[in-house]
C-alpha atoms as a PDB file:
ATOM      1  CA  MET A   1      -6.945  -3.965   0.854  1.00  0.00           C
ATOM      2  CA  THR A   2      -6.130  -7.480   1.578  1.00  0.00           C
ATOM      3  CA  ALA A   3      -3.944  -9.959   3.255  1.00  0.00           C
ATOM      4  CA  ILE A   4      -2.324 -11.422   0.176  1.00  0.00           C
ATOM      5  CA  ASP A   5       0.031 -14.234  -0.530  1.00  0.00           C
ATOM      6  CA  ASN A   6       3.387 -12.657  -1.241  1.00  0.00           C
ATOM      7  CA  PRO A   7       4.515 -13.774  -4.706  1.00  0.00           C
ATOM      8  CA  ALA A   8       8.148 -13.812  -3.599  1.00  0.00           C
ATOM      9  CA  THR A   9       7.607 -16.298  -0.796  1.00  0.00           C
ATOM     10  CA  ASN A  10       4.198 -17.752  -1.646  1.00  0.00           C
ATOM     11  CA  THR A  11       3.318 -17.605   2.036  1.00  0.00           C
ATOM     12  CA  LEU A  12       1.052 -15.298   3.952  1.00  0.00           C
ATOM     13  CA  SER A  13       2.956 -12.238   5.084  1.00  0.00           C
ATOM     14  CA  GLN A  14       2.165 -12.450   8.799  1.00  0.00           C
ATOM     15  CA  ASP A  15       0.829 -14.859  11.385  1.00  0.00           C
ATOM     16  CA  LYS A  16      -2.083 -16.818   9.884  1.00  0.00           C
ATOM     17  CA  ALA A  17      -3.690 -17.115  13.331  1.00  0.00           C
ATOM     18  CA  CYS A  18      -4.575 -13.407  13.247  1.00  0.00           C
ATOM     19  CA  THR A  19      -7.361 -12.125  11.069  1.00  0.00           C
ATOM     20  CA  TYR A  20      -6.963  -8.791   9.436  1.00  0.00           C
ATOM     21  CA  ASP A  21     -10.431  -7.929   8.172  1.00  0.00           C
ATOM     22  CA  VAL A  22     -10.493  -4.158   7.728  1.00  0.00           C
ATOM     23  CA  CYS A  23     -13.733  -2.740   9.127  1.00  0.00           C
ATOM     24  CA  LEU A  24     -15.206   0.693   8.468  1.00  0.00           C
ATOM     25  CA  ASP A  25     -17.967   1.754  10.854  1.00  0.00           C
ATOM     26  CA  ALA A  26     -20.065   4.792   9.887  1.00  0.00           C
ATOM     27  CA  LEU A  27     -17.089   6.469   8.179  1.00  0.00           C
ATOM     28  CA  SER A  28     -17.795   9.936   6.808  1.00  0.00           C
ATOM     29  CA  LEU A  29     -15.264  12.158   5.119  1.00  0.00           C
ATOM     30  CA  ARG A  30     -15.807  15.758   4.054  1.00  0.00           C
ATOM     31  CA  VAL A  31     -13.337  18.091   2.333  1.00  0.00           C
ATOM     32  CA  SER A  32     -14.423  21.739   2.496  1.00  0.00           C
ATOM     33  CA  ASP A  33     -18.063  21.719   1.385  1.00  0.00           C
ATOM     34  CA  THR A  34     -17.859  18.393  -0.447  1.00  0.00           C
ATOM     35  CA  MET A  35     -19.005  15.205   1.269  1.00  0.00           C
ATOM     36  CA  LEU A  36     -16.820  12.467  -0.227  1.00  0.00           C
ATOM     37  CA  ILE A  37     -17.984   9.569   1.941  1.00  0.00           C
ATOM     38  CA  SER A  38     -21.158   9.510   3.986  1.00  0.00           C
ATOM     39  CA  ASN A  39     -21.751   6.980   6.753  1.00  0.00           C
ATOM     40  CA  MET A  40     -19.868   4.133   5.040  1.00  0.00           C
ATOM     41  CA  SER A  41     -19.825   0.811   6.848  1.00  0.00           C
ATOM     42  CA  GLU A  42     -17.948  -1.988   5.152  1.00  0.00           C
ATOM     43  CA  ASN A  43     -15.960  -5.079   6.006  1.00  0.00           C
ATOM     44  CA  PHE A  44     -13.023  -5.900   3.726  1.00  0.00           C
ATOM     45  CA  GLU A  45     -12.313  -9.567   4.404  1.00  0.00           C
ATOM     46  CA  ASP A  46      -8.903 -11.026   5.148  1.00  0.00           C
ATOM     47  CA  GLY A  47      -7.450 -12.995   2.255  1.00  0.00           C
ATOM     48  CA  GLN A  48      -9.487 -11.204  -0.413  1.00  0.00           C
ATOM     49  CA  TRP A  49      -8.721  -8.665  -3.105  1.00  0.00           C
ATOM     50  CA  THR A  50     -10.931  -5.587  -2.946  1.00  0.00           C
ATOM     51  CA  CYS A  51     -11.000  -2.949  -5.681  1.00  0.00           C
ATOM     52  CA  ILE A  52     -12.558   0.455  -5.193  1.00  0.00           C
ATOM     53  CA  LEU A  53     -13.727   1.911  -8.493  1.00  0.00           C
ATOM     54  CA  GLY A  54     -15.081   5.330  -9.385  1.00  0.00           C
ATOM     55  CA  PRO A  55     -14.432   8.384 -11.514  1.00  0.00           C
ATOM     56  CA  SER A  56     -11.651  10.850 -10.759  1.00  0.00           C
ATOM     57  CA  GLY A  57     -12.190  13.127  -7.807  1.00  0.00           C
ATOM     58  CA  VAL A  58     -14.766  11.100  -5.876  1.00  0.00           C
ATOM     59  CA  GLY A  59     -12.474  10.363  -2.928  1.00  0.00           C
ATOM     60  CA  LYS A  60     -10.968   6.928  -3.559  1.00  0.00           C
ATOM     61  CA  SER A  61      -7.463   8.044  -2.533  1.00  0.00           C
ATOM     62  CA  MET A  62      -8.835   9.919   0.461  1.00  0.00           C
ATOM     63  CA  LEU A  63     -10.663   6.755   1.536  1.00  0.00           C
ATOM     64  CA  LEU A  64      -7.444   4.728   1.346  1.00  0.00           C
ATOM     65  CA  ARG A  65      -5.542   7.361   3.310  1.00  0.00           C
ATOM     66  CA  ALA A  66      -8.358   7.469   5.901  1.00  0.00           C
ATOM     67  CA  ILE A  67      -8.167   3.689   6.296  1.00  0.00           C
ATOM     68  CA  LEU A  68      -4.427   3.937   6.851  1.00  0.00           C
ATOM     69  CA  GLY A  69      -4.814   6.767   9.369  1.00  0.00           C
ATOM     70  CA  LEU A  70      -2.871   9.187   7.172  1.00  0.00           C
ATOM     71  CA  ILE A  71      -5.389  12.017   7.402  1.00  0.00           C
ATOM     72  CA  ASP A  72      -4.639  14.456  10.196  1.00  0.00           C
ATOM     73  CA  VAL A  73      -7.863  16.429  10.666  1.00  0.00           C
ATOM     74  CA  HIS A  74      -6.131  18.598  13.272  1.00  0.00           C
ATOM     75  CA  ARG A  75      -3.654  19.912  10.691  1.00  0.00           C
ATOM     76  CA  HIS A  76      -6.202  20.362   7.902  1.00  0.00           C
ATOM     77  CA  ALA A  77      -9.136  22.525   8.956  1.00  0.00           C
ATOM     78  CA  ASP A  78     -10.935  21.834   5.668  1.00  0.00           C
ATOM     79  CA  ILE A  79     -11.087  18.053   6.311  1.00  0.00           C
ATOM     80  CA  ALA A  80     -13.638  16.475   8.645  1.00  0.00           C
ATOM     81  CA  MET A  81     -13.765  12.759   9.374  1.00  0.00           C
ATOM     82  CA  THR A  82     -16.043  10.762  11.656  1.00  0.00           C
ATOM     83  CA  GLY A  83     -16.521   7.059  12.223  1.00  0.00           C
ATOM     84  CA  THR A  84     -13.966   4.360  12.921  1.00  0.00           C
ATOM     85  CA  VAL A  85     -11.535   2.165  11.025  1.00  0.00           C
ATOM     86  CA  HIS A  86     -10.255  -0.983  12.701  1.00  0.00           C
ATOM     87  CA  THR A  87      -9.429  -4.606  12.067  1.00  0.00           C
ATOM     88  CA  SER A  88     -11.391  -7.562  13.277  1.00  0.00           C
ATOM     89  CA  GLY A  89      -9.993  -8.437  16.660  1.00  0.00           C
ATOM     90  CA  ASN A  90      -9.127  -4.736  17.059  1.00  0.00           C
ATOM     91  CA  VAL A  91      -5.553  -5.220  15.850  1.00  0.00           C
ATOM     92  CA  ALA A  92      -4.092  -1.812  15.003  1.00  0.00           C
ATOM     93  CA  LEU A  93      -3.477  -1.213  11.308  1.00  0.00           C
ATOM     94  CA  SER A  94      -0.218   0.516  12.185  1.00  0.00           C
ATOM     95  CA  GLY A  95       2.592  -1.920  11.540  1.00  0.00           C
ATOM     96  CA  HIS A  96       0.300  -4.345   9.711  1.00  0.00           C
ATOM     97  CA  ALA A  97      -0.277  -2.478   6.448  1.00  0.00           C
ATOM     98  CA  SER A  98       1.895  -1.414   3.558  1.00  0.00           C
ATOM     99  CA  TYR A  99       0.873   1.331   1.167  1.00  0.00           C
ATOM    100  CA  MET A 100       1.696   1.980  -2.458  1.00  0.00           C
ATOM    101  CA  ALA A 101       0.772   5.535  -3.446  1.00  0.00           C
ATOM    102  CA  GLN A 102      -0.207   6.645  -6.957  1.00  0.00           C
ATOM    103  CA  GLN A 103       3.261   8.101  -7.506  1.00  0.00           C
ATOM    104  CA  ASP A 104       6.206   5.723  -7.238  1.00  0.00           C
ATOM    105  CA  LEU A 105       7.973   7.945  -4.641  1.00  0.00           C
ATOM    106  CA  LEU A 106      11.360   6.390  -5.430  1.00  0.00           C
ATOM    107  CA  PHE A 107      14.379   8.257  -4.062  1.00  0.00           C
ATOM    108  CA  PRO A 108      16.335   9.453  -7.128  1.00  0.00           C
ATOM    109  CA  TRP A 109      19.789   8.981  -5.526  1.00  0.00           C
ATOM    110  CA  LEU A 110      19.145   5.338  -4.550  1.00  0.00           C
ATOM    111  CA  THR A 111      19.337   2.366  -6.907  1.00  0.00           C
ATOM    112  CA  VAL A 112      16.264   0.224  -7.532  1.00  0.00           C
ATOM    113  CA  SER A 113      17.497  -2.368  -4.997  1.00  0.00           C
ATOM    114  CA  GLN A 114      18.271   0.304  -2.412  1.00  0.00           C
ATOM    115  CA  ASN A 115      14.795   1.827  -2.864  1.00  0.00           C
ATOM    116  CA  ILE A 116      13.197  -1.574  -2.364  1.00  0.00           C
ATOM    117  CA  ASP A 117      15.236  -2.233   0.790  1.00  0.00           C
ATOM    118  CA  LEU A 118      14.805   1.264   2.256  1.00  0.00           C
ATOM    119  CA  GLY A 119      11.974   0.473   4.679  1.00  0.00           C
ATOM    120  CA  GLN A 120      13.865  -2.488   6.075  1.00  0.00           C
ATOM    121  CA  ARG A 121      17.035  -0.395   6.460  1.00  0.00           C
ATOM    122  CA  LEU A 122      15.234   2.459   8.201  1.00  0.00           C
ATOM    123  CA  ARG A 123      13.692   0.066  10.716  1.00  0.00           C
ATOM    124  CA  GLY A 124      16.960  -1.809  11.218  1.00  0.00           C
ATOM    125  CA  ALA A 125      15.204  -5.024  10.225  1.00  0.00           C
ATOM    126  CA  THR A 126      17.211  -8.057   9.222  1.00  0.00           C
ATOM    127  CA  CYS A 127      17.050  -9.423   5.707  1.00  0.00           C
ATOM    128  CA  ASN A 128      15.495 -12.738   6.769  1.00  0.00           C
ATOM    129  CA  GLU A 129      12.375 -10.908   8.042  1.00  0.00           C
ATOM    130  CA  ALA A 130      11.286 -10.050   4.495  1.00  0.00           C
ATOM    131  CA  PRO A 131      11.224 -11.508   0.997  1.00  0.00           C
ATOM    132  CA  ASP A 132      14.509 -11.600  -0.879  1.00  0.00           C
ATOM    133  CA  THR A 133      15.037  -8.429  -2.934  1.00  0.00           C
ATOM    134  CA  HIS A 134      16.369 -10.305  -5.960  1.00  0.00           C
ATOM    135  CA  THR A 135      13.337 -12.610  -5.940  1.00  0.00           C
ATOM    136  CA  LEU A 136      11.013  -9.602  -5.790  1.00  0.00           C
ATOM    137  CA  LEU A 137      12.904  -7.889  -8.622  1.00  0.00           C
ATOM    138  CA  LYS A 138      12.568 -11.037 -10.709  1.00  0.00           C
ATOM    139  CA  SER A 139       8.842 -11.318  -9.937  1.00  0.00           C
ATOM    140  CA  VAL A 140       8.256  -7.772 -11.280  1.00  0.00           C
ATOM    141  CA  GLY A 141      10.608  -8.201 -14.256  1.00  0.00           C
ATOM    142  CA  LEU A 142      13.354  -5.867 -13.027  1.00  0.00           C
ATOM    143  CA  GLU A 143      16.137  -8.305 -12.138  1.00  0.00           C
ATOM    144  CA  ASP A 144      18.416  -6.750 -14.791  1.00  0.00           C
ATOM    145  CA  HIS A 145      17.820  -3.229 -13.452  1.00  0.00           C
ATOM    146  CA  ALA A 146      18.666  -3.656  -9.751  1.00  0.00           C
ATOM    147  CA  ASP A 147      21.645  -1.278  -9.844  1.00  0.00           C
ATOM    148  CA  LYS A 148      20.035   1.456 -11.946  1.00  0.00           C
ATOM    149  CA  LEU A 149      18.851   4.789 -10.614  1.00  0.00           C
ATOM    150  CA  PRO A 150      15.137   5.595 -11.053  1.00  0.00           C
ATOM    151  CA  ALA A 151      15.908   8.221 -13.723  1.00  0.00           C
ATOM    152  CA  LYS A 152      17.109   5.400 -16.003  1.00  0.00           C
ATOM    153  CA  LEU A 153      13.760   3.552 -15.765  1.00  0.00           C
ATOM    154  CA  SER A 154      10.550   3.986 -17.724  1.00  0.00           C
ATOM    155  CA  GLY A 155       7.389   5.023 -15.866  1.00  0.00           C
ATOM    156  CA  GLY A 156       6.117   1.441 -15.844  1.00  0.00           C
ATOM    157  CA  MET A 157       9.435   0.121 -14.547  1.00  0.00           C
ATOM    158  CA  ARG A 158       9.399   2.710 -11.760  1.00  0.00           C
ATOM    159  CA  GLN A 159       5.861   1.614 -10.852  1.00  0.00           C
ATOM    160  CA  ARG A 160       6.961  -2.031 -10.714  1.00  0.00           C
ATOM    161  CA  ALA A 161       9.917  -1.059  -8.481  1.00  0.00           C
ATOM    162  CA  ALA A 162       7.438   0.675  -6.155  1.00  0.00           C
ATOM    163  CA  LEU A 163       5.312  -2.489  -6.139  1.00  0.00           C
ATOM    164  CA  ALA A 164       8.356  -4.583  -5.186  1.00  0.00           C
ATOM    165  CA  ARG A 165       9.142  -2.101  -2.379  1.00  0.00           C
ATOM    166  CA  THR A 166       5.547  -2.393  -1.118  1.00  0.00           C
ATOM    167  CA  LEU A 167       5.688  -6.200  -1.149  1.00  0.00           C
ATOM    168  CA  LYS A 168       9.104  -6.143   0.552  1.00  0.00           C
ATOM    169  CA  GLU A 169       7.349  -4.715   3.607  1.00  0.00           C
ATOM    170  CA  ASN A 170       5.788  -8.172   4.014  1.00  0.00           C
ATOM    171  CA  ARG A 171       2.603  -6.901   5.678  1.00  0.00           C
ATOM    172  CA  PRO A 172      -0.702  -8.810   5.877  1.00  0.00           C
ATOM    173  CA  ILE A 173      -2.623  -5.776   4.574  1.00  0.00           C
ATOM    174  CA  VAL A 174      -1.510  -4.253   1.286  1.00  0.00           C
ATOM    175  CA  ILE A 175      -3.213  -1.046   0.140  1.00  0.00           C
ATOM    176  CA  MET A 176      -2.406   0.200  -3.349  1.00  0.00           C
ATOM    177  CA  ASP A 177      -3.645   3.389  -4.972  1.00  0.00           C
ATOM    178  CA  GLU A 178      -3.738   2.984  -8.779  1.00  0.00           C
ATOM    179  CA  PRO A 179      -0.738   0.641  -8.674  1.00  0.00           C
ATOM    180  CA  PHE A 180      -0.781  -0.265 -12.352  1.00  0.00           C
ATOM    181  CA  SER A 181      -1.609   3.117 -13.882  1.00  0.00           C
ATOM    182  CA  ALA A 182       1.863   3.495 -15.475  1.00  0.00           C
ATOM    183  CA  VAL A 183       2.356  -0.177 -16.325  1.00  0.00           C
ATOM    184  CA  ASP A 184       1.798  -1.315 -19.902  1.00  0.00           C
ATOM    185  CA  ALA A 185      -0.899  -3.951 -20.394  1.00  0.00           C
ATOM    186  CA  ILE A 186       1.649  -6.346 -21.894  1.00  0.00           C
ATOM    187  CA  THR A 187       3.828  -6.118 -18.759  1.00  0.00           C
END
């Protein structure tokens, strides 16, 4: 979780006057009878890379989804969450964070370029509000694959397309869940 310099533009994604430290205050998360997180208080500083490490099944993905506000405890009776997640200055995370899930979640009927531009299209945003798609494709090594459908890509290429889509959102907070799991070390 971090406000990162976007490799496509080499500038901070949002207004540098705002700080986007992500703060967890006494966060606890329980699924059924398993306590995944107990009374966690942490400050993830703006402008820094933070990696959360741990074995499978300990709740890393749940923590990321909790930070993003993607856990609806009212719809899932087996999930209980207490505590707060906020940014320094109490700026809402909504609209200031982009998320890359473990799966690439590319739409199979859209080309790589169309998948990358989808968020912008859905919001009706103009192209000059975000990094150039071709520049992002080049930065992830997919410039020759812009017009291909996801089925024609390897797993690592699909993951890199998902990374480009995440960066296209141009948000000051970027949260990625195992973003390089399908990418070869050489890539």
